[in-house]
Amino acid sequence: MELLGLDEIRDLLGGISKQRATIIVGRKGFPDPLATLSMGRVWDGKAVRAWIAKNRPGPTDEG
């Protein structure tokens, strides 16, 4: 299982700001975190990657 923290999610989303990433992970429909640790929340990497593929198409995916 791949676990991702907010910094890894930021990287997957193209290096966006921590503020922007926090808004995105708080949106309805974004995968729920698996746990909240003292270092922060952690998510299932497979679920996050699937969400990104569906909701955040890359430049080559846009008509």
C-alpha atoms as a PDB file:
ATOM      1  CA  MET A   1       0.000   0.000   0.000  1.00  0.00           C
ATOM      2  CA  GLU A   2       1.240   3.471  -0.894  1.00  0.00           C
ATOM      3  CA  LEU A   3       0.589   6.135   1.734  1.00  0.00           C
ATOM      4  CA  LEU A   4       0.641   9.812   0.823  1.00  0.00           C
ATOM      5  CA  GLY A   5       0.851  12.913   2.962  1.00  0.00           C
ATOM      6  CA  LEU A   6      -0.089  16.408   1.883  1.00  0.00           C
ATOM      7  CA  ASP A   7       3.382  17.115   0.456  1.00  0.00           C
ATOM      8  CA  GLU A   8       3.237  14.054  -1.802  1.00  0.00           C
ATOM      9  CA  ILE A   9      -0.235  15.054  -2.971  1.00  0.00           C
ATOM     10  CA  ARG A  10       1.071  18.551  -3.709  1.00  0.00           C
ATOM     11  CA  ASP A  11       3.774  17.010  -5.901  1.00  0.00           C
ATOM     12  CA  LEU A  12       1.257  14.832  -7.744  1.00  0.00           C
ATOM     13  CA  LEU A  13      -0.820  17.936  -8.440  1.00  0.00           C
ATOM     14  CA  GLY A  14       2.115  19.694 -10.058  1.00  0.00           C
ATOM     15  CA  GLY A  15       3.775  21.329  -7.063  1.00  0.00           C
ATOM     16  CA  ILE A  16       0.807  23.446  -5.999  1.00  0.00           C
ATOM     17  CA  SER A  17       0.905  25.478  -2.797  1.00  0.00           C
ATOM     18  CA  LYS A  18       0.150  23.944   0.579  1.00  0.00           C
ATOM     19  CA  GLN A  19      -2.885  26.244   0.861  1.00  0.00           C
ATOM     20  CA  ARG A  20      -4.283  25.078  -2.475  1.00  0.00           C
ATOM     21  CA  ALA A  21      -3.648  21.416  -1.662  1.00  0.00           C
ATOM     22  CA  THR A  22      -5.433  21.800   1.680  1.00  0.00           C
ATOM     23  CA  ILE A  23      -8.474  23.189  -0.135  1.00  0.00           C
ATOM     24  CA  ILE A  24      -8.456  20.318  -2.642  1.00  0.00           C
ATOM     25  CA  VAL A  25      -8.149  17.522  -0.057  1.00  0.00           C
ATOM     26  CA  GLY A  26     -11.022  19.099   1.874  1.00  0.00           C
ATOM     27  CA  ARG A  27     -13.404  19.013  -1.078  1.00  0.00           C
ATOM     28  CA  LYS A  28     -16.388  16.744  -1.174  1.00  0.00           C
ATOM     29  CA  GLY A  29     -15.474  13.725  -3.276  1.00  0.00           C
ATOM     30  CA  PHE A  30     -11.757  13.719  -2.463  1.00  0.00           C
ATOM     31  CA  PRO A  31     -10.776  10.419  -0.809  1.00  0.00           C
ATOM     32  CA  ASP A  32     -11.000  10.437   2.972  1.00  0.00           C
ATOM     33  CA  PRO A  33      -7.688  10.143   4.798  1.00  0.00           C
ATOM     34  CA  LEU A  34      -6.916   6.699   6.181  1.00  0.00           C
ATOM     35  CA  ALA A  35      -5.573   8.139   9.434  1.00  0.00           C
ATOM     36  CA  THR A  36      -4.511  11.333  11.127  1.00  0.00           C
ATOM     37  CA  LEU A  37      -1.068  11.059  12.682  1.00  0.00           C
ATOM     38  CA  SER A  38       0.922  13.623  14.633  1.00  0.00           C
ATOM     39  CA  MET A  39       2.597  14.595  11.324  1.00  0.00           C
ATOM     40  CA  GLY A  40      -0.780  15.062   9.630  1.00  0.00           C
ATOM     41  CA  ARG A  41      -3.277  13.142   7.551  1.00  0.00           C
ATOM     42  CA  VAL A  42      -2.349  10.206   5.311  1.00  0.00           C
ATOM     43  CA  TRP A  43      -4.234   8.952   2.281  1.00  0.00           C
ATOM     44  CA  ASP A  44      -4.302   5.778   0.198  1.00  0.00           C
ATOM     45  CA  GLY A  45      -2.096   6.562  -2.795  1.00  0.00           C
ATOM     46  CA  LYS A  46      -4.151   4.428  -5.176  1.00  0.00           C
ATOM     47  CA  ALA A  47      -7.361   6.288  -4.288  1.00  0.00           C
ATOM     48  CA  VAL A  48      -5.680   9.694  -4.600  1.00  0.00           C
ATOM     49  CA  ARG A  49      -4.114   8.834  -7.965  1.00  0.00           C
ATOM     50  CA  ALA A  50      -7.511   7.626  -9.242  1.00  0.00           C
ATOM     51  CA  TRP A  51      -9.145  10.869  -8.068  1.00  0.00           C
ATOM     52  CA  ILE A  52      -6.468  12.952  -9.788  1.00  0.00           C
ATOM     53  CA  ALA A  53      -6.834  10.973 -13.037  1.00  0.00           C
ATOM     54  CA  LYS A  54     -10.591  11.544 -13.011  1.00  0.00           C
ATOM     55  CA  ASN A  55     -10.748  15.124 -11.752  1.00  0.00           C
ATOM     56  CA  ARG A  56      -7.482  16.805 -12.754  1.00  0.00           C
ATOM     57  CA  PRO A  57      -6.690  15.964 -16.391  1.00  0.00           C
ATOM     58  CA  GLY A  58      -3.237  16.901 -17.613  1.00  0.00           C
ATOM     59  CA  PRO A  59      -2.584  19.329 -20.493  1.00  0.00           C
ATOM     60  CA  THR A  60      -2.523  16.525 -23.062  1.00  0.00           C
ATOM     61  CA  ASP A  61      -5.915  15.264 -21.860  1.00  0.00           C
ATOM     62  CA  GLU A  62      -7.650  18.592 -22.462  1.00  0.00           C
ATOM     63  CA  GLY A  63      -9.343  18.803 -25.874  1.00  0.00           C
END
